[in-house]
Amino acid sequence: MSYLDILFLVLPETFVVVTAFVALGFDLTLFRRKTWKARVNTAALITTIGCVTAIVWLWRTMPPTAIHHSEDILVLTSLTHLLKIVVLILTVLTAWISIESEFTNHVGEYFALLLLGTVGMMFLVSSENLLMIFVALELLSLSLYTMTAFNKQNVRSAEAALKYFLFGGMSAAFLLFGFSWVYGLTGEITLRGIGTELANHKMDPLLMAALIMIVTGFGFKVAAVPFHLWAPDTYQGAPAPTAAFIASGSKVASFFILAKLLVAGFAPSAGGAAWRNFTDGWVPLLAVVAALSVIIGNVAAIAQSSVRRLLAYSAVAHAGYALIGIIALGKNGIASLIYYVVTYAFTVLGAFGVVAVVEEKSHDERFGAFAGLGKRAPVLSFCMMIFMLSLAGIPPLAGFFGKFYLFAAALSGWQDLALLWLVILAIAMSAVSLYYYLQVLKQIYVIPGEGSTLRASWPAKMSIVLLAASVVALGLAPNLLLDRLMPAVQRSWAALK
């Protein structure tokens, strides 16, 4: 395969990289003396054009079969193309939500980092090589660390970035150490090669230690207990659009690559997680992490008075729910996981969009800032109600079907209802979560508030409305996504097996 062929395969990523430099170049030259609003509008428009170009290319070049290149550094399937499209859509919506938050004068640099982080996610979902997975994950992480510190007027932003960087660096060390042990045990760095070698390899202390380190590394990335301590401060201190991007796009990419890593590379070392009958492997390890995440995330969220910190602990709980899809194994488990994280990404991005609008106008994101919002901003309030109820899993919204699909996959993926205990726990904690989501809606619709009508810029408002409409549509008609998702998962699952 020639270099021209390689460039053709990574053309969507090339579009995004070029867009990043164009946005940076325009802001530093032609628009340097323009108003902040003109600069951010132009950068968002350039970002949209570049991402839409990449989306159109991906949609028109869906591969019918898997394409493996250079020791699986690049693996293209219809599923990876679909996930890249989702990531690009989230990037565009994040860009338009960013218009509402005037937190930095370095507009070009911010949008360049947003796009480079997107490139990291795109490479992350399309690789099955341990080295490339690590490099792509670090490209994403370094972009997010810097974006977190962009609000120089807020000391919490610098503190959040430092904590995020320190925890992220520690997680990278654990992950790289775990990968090195896996390579030492198997002599392979591709997921297919590792799976083949481990098929005849018994579980031993070294392999178990490697699995623990890998789960620890990814546990930090997805904010699962007990690796979640960075999340509340980062979600609260980072600029609202950055927090939204961390909570949405990065979660989609991280959960997908974790699922692919464990299912394709470590399926022979899965073990079991039946109640009081655990067997050695990564499944019982993830089951314990998932259980702790749904308990601690939901209980801790009850005590919050900041909507941002509430969403952070909510993200911890949702990480626990998502891990159930990986534990479920099989193509139904993977499909339910992807559906769940995609719909969750849309929901939490919309919620942070509303927070960004409220915070920009009132300079506060605690519960009191949302008092009386139902009268001051009826459209945004209605959208926030949709997002909160979807996160709680109330029908007929996408959050309800996502949880139902996850729990059904977990119960059907194991004989004798081995994961029934975990599903019951997750359902019980979902009921608990309804309390703190309703606390936000109580502030919006019940508690009287002061202030004039709250107006958002039309791009941000349109983005939030589109996200709310998507949450409703995917709840009422989940086949809008599943009809594309299931065939792609089945083909990818066959390739993995």
Protein backbone atom coordinates (compact mmCIF):
# COMPACT_ATOMS: atom_id res chain seq x y z
CA MET A 1 0.00 0.00 0.00
CA SER A 2 1.44 3.39 -1.03
CA TYR A 3 1.53 6.56 1.04
CA LEU A 4 -1.20 7.95 -1.23
CA ASP A 5 -3.44 5.03 -0.26
CA ILE A 6 -2.73 5.67 3.43
CA LEU A 7 -3.60 9.35 3.00
CA PHE A 8 -6.86 8.33 1.35
CA LEU A 9 -7.76 6.15 4.36
CA VAL A 10 -7.10 8.96 6.86
CA LEU A 11 -8.62 11.72 4.74
CA PRO A 12 -11.35 12.55 7.33
CA GLU A 13 -8.69 13.06 10.00
CA THR A 14 -6.69 15.13 7.51
CA PHE A 15 -9.71 17.35 6.90
CA VAL A 16 -10.02 18.00 10.63
CA VAL A 17 -6.30 18.71 11.11
CA VAL A 18 -6.32 21.16 8.19
CA THR A 19 -9.43 22.79 9.66
CA ALA A 20 -7.63 23.23 12.99
CA PHE A 21 -4.75 25.09 11.36
CA VAL A 22 -7.09 27.15 9.17
CA ALA A 23 -9.11 28.25 12.21
CA LEU A 24 -5.90 29.10 14.07
CA GLY A 25 -4.40 30.93 11.10
CA PHE A 26 -7.50 33.00 10.38
CA ASP A 27 -7.81 34.05 14.01
CA LEU A 28 -4.13 35.03 14.33
CA THR A 29 -4.05 37.02 11.07
CA LEU A 30 -7.20 38.31 9.39
CA PHE A 31 -9.43 38.40 12.48
CA ARG A 32 -6.93 39.37 15.16
CA ARG A 33 -8.31 42.91 15.51
CA LYS A 34 -11.97 41.94 15.14
CA THR A 35 -14.41 41.75 18.06
CA TRP A 36 -14.51 38.62 20.17
CA LYS A 37 -17.98 37.73 18.85
CA ALA A 38 -16.83 37.98 15.22
CA ARG A 39 -13.75 35.86 15.93
CA VAL A 40 -15.63 33.08 17.74
CA ASN A 41 -18.41 33.02 15.12
CA THR A 42 -15.82 32.69 12.34
CA ALA A 43 -13.90 29.95 14.17
CA ALA A 44 -17.13 28.02 14.82
CA LEU A 45 -18.12 28.37 11.16
CA ILE A 46 -14.71 27.10 9.97
CA THR A 47 -14.96 24.20 12.43
CA THR A 48 -18.42 23.34 11.14
CA ILE A 49 -17.32 23.38 7.49
CA GLY A 50 -14.32 21.13 8.20
CA CYS A 51 -16.26 18.65 10.32
CA VAL A 52 -19.22 18.49 7.91
CA THR A 53 -16.78 17.80 5.05
CA ALA A 54 -15.31 14.92 7.05
CA ILE A 55 -18.81 13.63 7.90
CA VAL A 56 -19.88 13.61 4.25
CA TRP A 57 -16.68 11.77 3.28
CA LEU A 58 -17.17 9.17 6.02
CA TRP A 59 -20.81 8.65 5.07
CA ARG A 60 -19.97 8.11 1.41
CA THR A 61 -17.02 5.75 2.05
CA MET A 62 -18.50 3.27 4.52
CA PRO A 63 -16.37 0.12 4.05
CA PRO A 64 -18.46 -3.06 3.49
CA THR A 65 -15.72 -5.15 5.13
CA ALA A 66 -12.99 -4.38 7.65
CA ILE A 67 -9.81 -2.75 6.34
CA HIS A 68 -6.68 -3.60 8.35
CA HIS A 69 -3.50 -1.64 7.75
CA SER A 70 0.05 -1.79 9.16
CA GLU A 71 -0.22 -4.13 12.15
CA ASP A 72 -3.78 -2.93 12.81
CA ILE A 73 -2.61 0.63 13.47
CA LEU A 74 -5.59 1.60 11.34
CA VAL A 75 -8.71 -0.58 11.22
CA LEU A 76 -11.67 0.83 9.33
CA THR A 77 -15.15 -0.64 9.54
CA SER A 78 -18.66 0.72 9.12
CA LEU A 79 -18.86 0.89 12.93
CA THR A 80 -15.73 3.03 13.27
CA HIS A 81 -17.04 5.33 10.54
CA LEU A 82 -20.35 5.65 12.37
CA LEU A 83 -18.63 6.52 15.64
CA LYS A 84 -16.40 9.06 13.92
CA ILE A 85 -19.51 10.73 12.52
CA VAL A 86 -20.98 10.90 16.04
CA VAL A 87 -17.75 12.41 17.40
CA LEU A 88 -17.69 15.02 14.63
CA ILE A 89 -21.33 15.95 15.28
CA LEU A 90 -20.53 16.42 18.98
CA THR A 91 -17.56 18.59 18.02
CA VAL A 92 -19.71 20.85 15.83
CA LEU A 93 -22.32 21.25 18.56
CA THR A 94 -19.62 21.97 21.14
CA ALA A 95 -18.21 24.64 18.83
CA TRP A 96 -21.59 26.39 18.57
CA ILE A 97 -22.20 26.14 22.32
CA SER A 98 -18.78 27.78 22.81
CA ILE A 99 -20.16 30.95 21.24
CA GLU A 100 -22.18 31.52 24.40
CA SER A 101 -19.21 31.49 26.80
CA GLU A 102 -16.71 34.35 26.64
CA PHE A 103 -13.96 32.74 28.71
CA THR A 104 -10.82 33.39 26.62
CA ASN A 105 -9.31 35.78 24.09
CA HIS A 106 -7.31 32.93 22.53
CA VAL A 107 -10.13 31.88 20.25
CA GLY A 108 -8.05 30.30 17.48
CA GLU A 109 -5.97 28.26 19.92
CA TYR A 110 -9.09 26.99 21.69
CA PHE A 111 -10.79 25.78 18.50
CA ALA A 112 -7.53 24.27 17.21
CA LEU A 113 -7.24 22.21 20.40
CA LEU A 114 -10.90 21.22 20.14
CA LEU A 115 -10.28 19.87 16.64
CA LEU A 116 -6.99 18.17 17.54
CA GLY A 117 -8.76 16.44 20.42
CA THR A 118 -11.36 15.29 17.89
CA VAL A 119 -8.58 13.84 15.71
CA GLY A 120 -7.33 11.94 18.75
CA MET A 121 -10.78 10.44 19.26
CA MET A 122 -11.07 9.52 15.58
CA PHE A 123 -7.77 7.66 15.60
CA LEU A 124 -8.65 6.08 18.94
CA VAL A 125 -11.81 4.40 17.68
CA SER A 126 -10.12 3.16 14.49
CA SER A 127 -7.08 1.40 15.92
CA GLU A 128 -6.48 -2.10 17.28
CA ASN A 129 -2.79 -1.62 18.02
CA LEU A 130 -1.71 -0.98 21.62
CA LEU A 131 0.87 1.66 20.70
CA MET A 132 -1.51 3.57 18.45
CA ILE A 133 -4.26 3.37 21.08
CA PHE A 134 -1.92 4.92 23.63
CA VAL A 135 -0.70 7.67 21.27
CA ALA A 136 -4.25 8.60 20.22
CA LEU A 137 -5.40 8.61 23.83
CA GLU A 138 -2.57 10.95 24.78
CA LEU A 139 -3.34 13.31 21.88
CA LEU A 140 -6.91 13.51 23.14
CA SER A 141 -5.84 13.91 26.77
CA LEU A 142 -3.25 16.64 26.15
CA SER A 143 -5.81 18.65 24.21
CA LEU A 144 -8.35 18.32 27.03
CA TYR A 145 -5.82 19.24 29.75
CA THR A 146 -5.01 22.49 27.95
CA MET A 147 -8.65 23.30 27.14
CA THR A 148 -9.52 22.88 30.83
CA ALA A 149 -7.09 25.68 31.78
CA PHE A 150 -8.32 28.18 29.19
CA ASN A 151 -10.33 30.37 31.57
CA LYS A 152 -7.47 32.44 33.04
CA GLN A 153 -9.94 34.68 34.87
CA ASN A 154 -11.05 31.80 37.07
CA VAL A 155 -8.55 30.23 39.47
CA ARG A 156 -10.71 27.09 39.53
CA SER A 157 -9.88 26.52 35.88
CA ALA A 158 -6.14 26.31 36.57
CA GLU A 159 -6.74 24.10 39.61
CA ALA A 160 -9.01 21.80 37.62
CA ALA A 161 -6.47 21.54 34.79
CA LEU A 162 -3.68 20.68 37.23
CA LYS A 163 -5.72 17.96 38.93
CA TYR A 164 -6.88 16.62 35.58
CA PHE A 165 -3.29 16.57 34.29
CA LEU A 166 -1.89 14.84 37.38
CA PHE A 167 -4.58 12.17 37.48
CA GLY A 168 -4.37 11.77 33.70
CA GLY A 169 -0.59 11.35 33.81
CA MET A 170 -0.95 8.71 36.50
CA SER A 171 -3.57 6.86 34.47
CA ALA A 172 -1.31 6.96 31.40
CA ALA A 173 1.49 5.41 33.45
CA PHE A 174 -0.76 2.60 34.66
CA LEU A 175 -2.06 2.00 31.14
CA LEU A 176 1.38 1.92 29.53
CA PHE A 177 2.73 -0.36 32.24
CA GLY A 178 -0.21 -2.73 31.73
CA PHE A 179 0.31 -2.72 27.95
CA SER A 180 4.02 -3.51 28.41
CA TRP A 181 3.20 -6.52 30.58
CA VAL A 182 0.69 -7.76 28.02
CA TYR A 183 3.35 -7.49 25.32
CA GLY A 184 5.80 -9.35 27.55
CA LEU A 185 3.29 -12.17 28.08
CA THR A 186 2.09 -12.51 24.50
CA GLY A 187 4.72 -10.92 22.25
CA GLU A 188 1.86 -9.17 20.41
CA ILE A 189 0.66 -5.57 20.25
CA THR A 190 -2.43 -6.11 18.08
CA LEU A 191 -5.73 -7.01 19.72
CA ARG A 192 -6.31 -9.98 17.43
CA GLY A 193 -2.81 -11.30 18.12
CA ILE A 194 -3.23 -10.88 21.87
CA GLY A 195 -6.56 -12.72 21.79
CA THR A 196 -5.02 -15.61 19.85
CA GLU A 197 -2.09 -15.91 22.27
CA LEU A 198 -4.28 -15.72 25.38
CA ALA A 199 -6.65 -18.41 24.08
CA ASN A 200 -4.18 -21.02 25.32
CA HIS A 201 -2.84 -19.00 28.23
CA LYS A 202 -4.08 -19.68 31.73
CA MET A 203 -4.87 -16.84 34.09
CA ASP A 204 -1.76 -16.12 36.15
CA PRO A 205 -0.80 -13.34 38.61
CA LEU A 206 1.14 -11.38 35.96
CA LEU A 207 -1.78 -11.34 33.52
CA MET A 208 -4.17 -10.38 36.31
CA ALA A 209 -1.86 -7.53 37.33
CA ALA A 210 -1.77 -6.33 33.71
CA LEU A 211 -5.58 -6.39 33.53
CA ILE A 212 -5.84 -4.44 36.77
CA MET A 213 -3.47 -1.77 35.44
CA ILE A 214 -5.35 -1.48 32.14
CA VAL A 215 -8.72 -1.19 33.90
CA THR A 216 -7.16 1.37 36.26
CA GLY A 217 -5.85 3.43 33.32
CA PHE A 218 -9.18 3.46 31.52
CA GLY A 219 -11.05 3.89 34.80
CA PHE A 220 -9.45 7.33 35.12
CA LYS A 221 -10.43 8.22 31.56
CA VAL A 222 -14.11 7.30 32.00
CA ALA A 223 -14.32 8.59 35.62
CA ALA A 224 -15.33 5.29 37.20
CA VAL A 225 -15.00 4.70 40.97
CA PRO A 226 -12.46 4.70 42.58
CA PHE A 227 -10.66 6.61 39.82
CA HIS A 228 -13.16 9.48 39.61
CA LEU A 229 -11.66 12.04 42.01
CA TRP A 230 -10.62 14.40 39.22
CA ALA A 231 -14.08 14.64 37.69
CA PRO A 232 -16.02 16.94 40.10
CA ASP A 233 -13.33 19.64 40.19
CA THR A 234 -12.68 19.40 36.45
CA TYR A 235 -16.34 19.60 35.52
CA GLN A 236 -16.79 22.59 37.84
CA GLY A 237 -13.60 24.51 37.03
CA ALA A 238 -13.25 23.96 33.29
CA PRO A 239 -14.98 26.29 30.80
CA ALA A 240 -18.50 24.98 30.24
CA PRO A 241 -17.89 23.94 26.58
CA THR A 242 -14.73 22.08 27.60
CA ALA A 243 -16.57 20.27 30.39
CA ALA A 244 -19.28 19.38 27.86
CA PHE A 245 -16.70 17.97 25.44
CA ILE A 246 -15.02 15.93 28.20
CA ALA A 247 -18.39 14.54 29.30
CA SER A 248 -19.58 13.69 25.78
CA GLY A 249 -17.12 13.06 22.97
CA SER A 250 -14.25 11.69 25.04
CA LYS A 251 -16.60 9.25 26.79
CA VAL A 252 -17.84 7.86 23.47
CA ALA A 253 -14.31 7.17 22.25
CA SER A 254 -12.97 5.89 25.59
CA PHE A 255 -15.78 3.44 26.28
CA PHE A 256 -15.67 2.08 22.74
CA ILE A 257 -11.93 1.42 22.76
CA LEU A 258 -12.14 -0.13 26.25
CA ALA A 259 -14.88 -2.47 25.04
CA LYS A 260 -12.92 -3.38 21.90
CA LEU A 261 -9.73 -3.90 23.89
CA LEU A 262 -11.33 -6.28 26.40
CA VAL A 263 -13.64 -8.12 24.00
CA ALA A 264 -11.14 -8.55 21.15
CA GLY A 265 -7.91 -8.86 23.11
CA PHE A 266 -8.87 -10.36 26.46
CA ALA A 267 -12.02 -12.40 25.80
CA PRO A 268 -10.25 -15.63 26.87
CA SER A 269 -9.51 -14.00 30.25
CA ALA A 270 -13.04 -12.71 30.90
CA GLY A 271 -13.94 -14.77 33.97
CA GLY A 272 -17.38 -14.55 35.56
CA ALA A 273 -19.29 -12.24 37.91
CA ALA A 274 -22.19 -14.36 39.18
CA TRP A 275 -23.30 -13.39 42.67
CA ARG A 276 -21.00 -15.05 45.29
CA ASN A 277 -19.35 -17.05 42.52
CA PHE A 278 -16.72 -14.79 40.97
CA THR A 279 -14.10 -16.40 38.75
CA ASP A 280 -10.74 -14.83 37.87
CA GLY A 281 -10.76 -12.38 34.97
CA TRP A 282 -11.66 -8.83 34.03
CA VAL A 283 -15.44 -9.30 34.19
CA PRO A 284 -15.61 -9.50 38.02
CA LEU A 285 -13.19 -6.58 38.21
CA LEU A 286 -15.43 -4.43 36.00
CA ALA A 287 -18.52 -5.63 37.87
CA VAL A 288 -17.13 -4.34 41.17
CA VAL A 289 -16.10 -1.04 39.56
CA ALA A 290 -19.56 -0.68 37.96
CA ALA A 291 -21.33 -1.41 41.26
CA LEU A 292 -19.21 1.10 43.18
CA SER A 293 -19.71 3.72 40.46
CA VAL A 294 -23.51 3.56 40.43
CA ILE A 295 -23.67 3.64 44.24
CA ILE A 296 -21.12 6.37 44.98
CA GLY A 297 -21.95 8.48 41.93
CA ASN A 298 -25.67 8.64 42.69
CA VAL A 299 -25.34 9.03 46.47
CA ALA A 300 -22.70 11.78 46.18
CA ALA A 301 -24.79 13.69 43.64
CA ILE A 302 -27.60 14.10 46.19
CA ALA A 303 -25.42 16.34 48.36
CA GLN A 304 -24.41 18.75 45.59
CA SER A 305 -25.57 22.36 45.31
CA SER A 306 -23.69 23.01 42.06
CA VAL A 307 -25.27 21.81 38.82
CA ARG A 308 -21.83 21.20 37.33
CA ARG A 309 -20.73 18.98 40.23
CA LEU A 310 -24.10 17.23 40.10
CA LEU A 311 -23.47 16.42 36.45
CA ALA A 312 -19.96 15.24 37.35
CA TYR A 313 -21.17 12.72 39.93
CA SER A 314 -23.97 11.81 37.55
CA ALA A 315 -21.26 11.02 34.96
CA VAL A 316 -19.60 8.72 37.49
CA ALA A 317 -22.88 6.84 37.91
CA HIS A 318 -23.44 6.65 34.17
CA ALA A 319 -19.93 5.25 33.74
CA GLY A 320 -21.07 2.40 35.98
CA TYR A 321 -24.16 1.80 33.84
CA ALA A 322 -22.06 1.84 30.66
CA LEU A 323 -19.61 -0.72 32.06
CA ILE A 324 -22.52 -3.16 32.33
CA GLY A 325 -22.67 -3.19 28.51
CA ILE A 326 -19.03 -4.31 28.35
CA ILE A 327 -19.60 -6.96 31.02
CA ALA A 328 -22.59 -8.28 29.07
CA LEU A 329 -20.23 -9.46 26.29
CA GLY A 330 -21.53 -10.42 22.85
CA LYS A 331 -22.71 -8.18 20.05
CA ASN A 332 -25.86 -7.18 21.96
CA GLY A 333 -23.73 -5.92 24.82
CA ILE A 334 -21.53 -3.86 22.49
CA ALA A 335 -24.55 -2.47 20.62
CA SER A 336 -26.27 -1.51 23.88
CA LEU A 337 -23.08 0.13 25.13
CA ILE A 338 -22.66 2.23 21.98
CA TYR A 339 -26.32 3.25 21.93
CA TYR A 340 -26.11 4.22 25.59
CA VAL A 341 -22.93 6.29 25.41
CA VAL A 342 -24.04 8.06 22.21
CA THR A 343 -27.42 9.07 23.62
CA TYR A 344 -25.80 9.99 26.94
CA ALA A 345 -23.30 12.18 25.08
CA PHE A 346 -26.11 14.07 23.32
CA THR A 347 -27.96 14.50 26.61
CA VAL A 348 -25.08 15.71 28.75
CA LEU A 349 -23.81 18.02 26.00
CA GLY A 350 -27.24 19.66 25.90
CA ALA A 351 -27.34 19.95 29.70
CA PHE A 352 -23.95 21.66 29.75
CA GLY A 353 -25.16 23.92 26.95
CA VAL A 354 -27.95 25.20 29.19
CA VAL A 355 -25.49 25.55 32.08
CA ALA A 356 -23.20 27.61 29.81
CA VAL A 357 -26.02 30.01 28.96
CA VAL A 358 -27.14 30.43 32.57
CA GLU A 359 -23.58 30.80 33.82
CA GLU A 360 -22.68 33.43 31.23
CA LYS A 361 -25.68 35.56 32.20
CA SER A 362 -25.65 35.09 35.99
CA HIS A 363 -21.96 34.22 36.59
CA ASP A 364 -23.05 31.30 38.74
CA GLU A 365 -23.92 27.66 38.18
CA ARG A 366 -25.31 26.74 41.59
CA PHE A 367 -28.94 25.77 42.02
CA GLY A 368 -29.96 29.34 42.87
CA ALA A 369 -28.92 30.56 39.42
CA PHE A 370 -31.61 28.32 37.88
CA ALA A 371 -34.44 29.60 40.10
CA GLY A 372 -37.31 30.87 38.00
CA LEU A 373 -35.62 29.90 34.75
CA GLY A 374 -38.92 28.46 33.50
CA LYS A 375 -40.29 31.99 33.12
CA ARG A 376 -37.07 33.71 32.08
CA ALA A 377 -36.13 31.21 29.34
CA PRO A 378 -39.04 28.84 28.56
CA VAL A 379 -37.39 27.08 25.61
CA LEU A 380 -34.09 26.40 27.40
CA SER A 381 -35.98 25.31 30.53
CA PHE A 382 -38.04 22.81 28.55
CA CYS A 383 -34.87 21.45 26.95
CA MET A 384 -33.22 21.14 30.38
CA MET A 385 -36.24 19.19 31.60
CA ILE A 386 -35.80 16.76 28.71
CA PHE A 387 -32.11 16.34 29.50
CA MET A 388 -32.63 15.79 33.24
CA LEU A 389 -35.46 13.30 32.78
CA SER A 390 -33.49 11.43 30.12
CA LEU A 391 -30.48 11.15 32.44
CA ALA A 392 -32.84 9.79 35.09
CA GLY A 393 -34.12 7.16 32.63
CA ILE A 394 -37.72 8.35 32.35
CA PRO A 395 -39.69 7.07 29.31
CA PRO A 396 -40.14 7.79 26.49
CA LEU A 397 -36.74 9.53 26.32
CA ALA A 398 -33.49 8.07 25.00
CA GLY A 399 -32.07 7.56 28.49
CA PHE A 400 -34.84 5.11 29.35
CA PHE A 401 -34.36 2.94 26.28
CA GLY A 402 -30.56 3.09 26.70
CA LYS A 403 -30.76 1.69 30.23
CA PHE A 404 -33.40 -0.85 29.26
CA TYR A 405 -31.23 -2.05 26.36
CA LEU A 406 -28.15 -2.30 28.61
CA PHE A 407 -29.92 -4.25 31.34
CA ALA A 408 -31.60 -6.60 28.83
CA ALA A 409 -28.23 -7.31 27.18
CA ALA A 410 -26.65 -8.03 30.58
CA LEU A 411 -29.37 -10.51 31.53
CA SER A 412 -29.39 -12.29 28.16
CA GLY A 413 -25.60 -12.37 27.79
CA TRP A 414 -25.02 -14.76 30.70
CA GLN A 415 -26.63 -18.05 31.62
CA ASP A 416 -28.67 -18.37 34.81
CA LEU A 417 -29.05 -14.59 35.09
CA ALA A 418 -25.52 -14.29 36.49
CA LEU A 419 -25.62 -10.48 36.40
CA LEU A 420 -29.09 -10.14 37.93
CA TRP A 421 -27.60 -8.71 41.14
CA LEU A 422 -25.82 -5.96 39.23
CA VAL A 423 -28.90 -5.09 37.16
CA ILE A 424 -31.09 -4.88 40.29
CA LEU A 425 -28.54 -2.60 41.92
CA ALA A 426 -28.37 -0.37 38.84
CA ILE A 427 -32.18 -0.09 38.66
CA ALA A 428 -32.37 0.81 42.35
CA MET A 429 -29.72 3.49 41.96
CA SER A 430 -31.53 4.86 38.89
CA ALA A 431 -34.54 5.43 41.13
CA VAL A 432 -32.28 7.30 43.56
CA SER A 433 -30.95 9.49 40.74
CA LEU A 434 -34.44 10.78 39.99
CA TYR A 435 -34.37 12.71 43.28
CA TYR A 436 -31.41 14.95 42.47
CA TYR A 437 -32.42 15.48 38.85
CA LEU A 438 -35.81 16.67 40.07
CA GLN A 439 -34.04 19.08 42.41
CA VAL A 440 -32.73 20.93 39.36
CA LEU A 441 -36.20 20.99 37.79
CA LYS A 442 -37.66 22.20 41.09
CA GLN A 443 -35.39 25.23 40.91
CA ILE A 444 -36.38 25.88 37.32
CA TYR A 445 -40.16 25.53 37.60
CA VAL A 446 -41.12 25.82 41.29
CA ILE A 447 -38.72 28.16 43.08
CA PRO A 448 -39.37 31.80 42.17
CA GLY A 449 -36.38 33.71 40.89
CA GLU A 450 -35.34 37.22 40.08
CA GLY A 451 -33.91 38.65 36.90
CA SER A 452 -34.92 39.63 33.42
CA THR A 453 -35.55 37.41 30.43
CA LEU A 454 -32.51 35.28 29.66
CA ARG A 455 -31.54 35.33 26.01
CA ALA A 456 -29.04 33.01 24.37
CA SER A 457 -27.30 33.45 21.01
CA TRP A 458 -29.20 31.70 18.24
CA PRO A 459 -26.40 29.17 17.40
CA ALA A 460 -26.17 28.00 21.01
CA LYS A 461 -29.95 27.95 21.40
CA MET A 462 -30.39 26.05 18.15
CA SER A 463 -27.75 23.49 19.20
CA ILE A 464 -29.50 22.89 22.52
CA VAL A 465 -32.90 22.52 20.83
CA LEU A 466 -31.46 20.06 18.29
CA LEU A 467 -29.90 18.00 21.09
CA ALA A 468 -33.21 17.93 23.00
CA ALA A 469 -35.06 16.90 19.84
CA SER A 470 -32.52 14.12 19.26
CA VAL A 471 -33.01 12.81 22.81
CA VAL A 472 -36.77 12.68 22.29
CA ALA A 473 -36.53 11.18 18.79
CA LEU A 474 -34.07 8.44 19.84
CA GLY A 475 -36.33 7.56 22.76
CA LEU A 476 -39.52 7.38 20.71
CA ALA A 477 -37.84 5.73 17.70
CA PRO A 478 -34.57 4.06 18.78
CA ASN A 479 -34.37 2.33 15.39
CA LEU A 480 -33.25 5.66 13.92
CA LEU A 481 -29.85 4.77 15.39
CA LEU A 482 -30.16 1.01 15.85
CA ASP A 483 -30.93 0.32 12.17
CA ARG A 484 -27.48 1.73 11.35
CA LEU A 485 -25.78 0.48 14.48
CA MET A 486 -26.77 -3.20 14.60
CA PRO A 487 -25.52 -4.24 11.11
CA ALA A 488 -22.26 -2.36 11.77
CA VAL A 489 -21.81 -4.07 15.14
CA GLN A 490 -22.57 -7.50 13.69
CA ARG A 491 -19.95 -7.09 10.95
CA SER A 492 -17.39 -5.75 13.43
CA TRP A 493 -18.19 -8.52 15.92
CA ALA A 494 -17.63 -11.15 13.25
CA ALA A 495 -14.27 -9.57 12.40
CA LEU A 496 -13.28 -9.50 16.09
CA LYS A 497 -14.21 -13.14 16.58
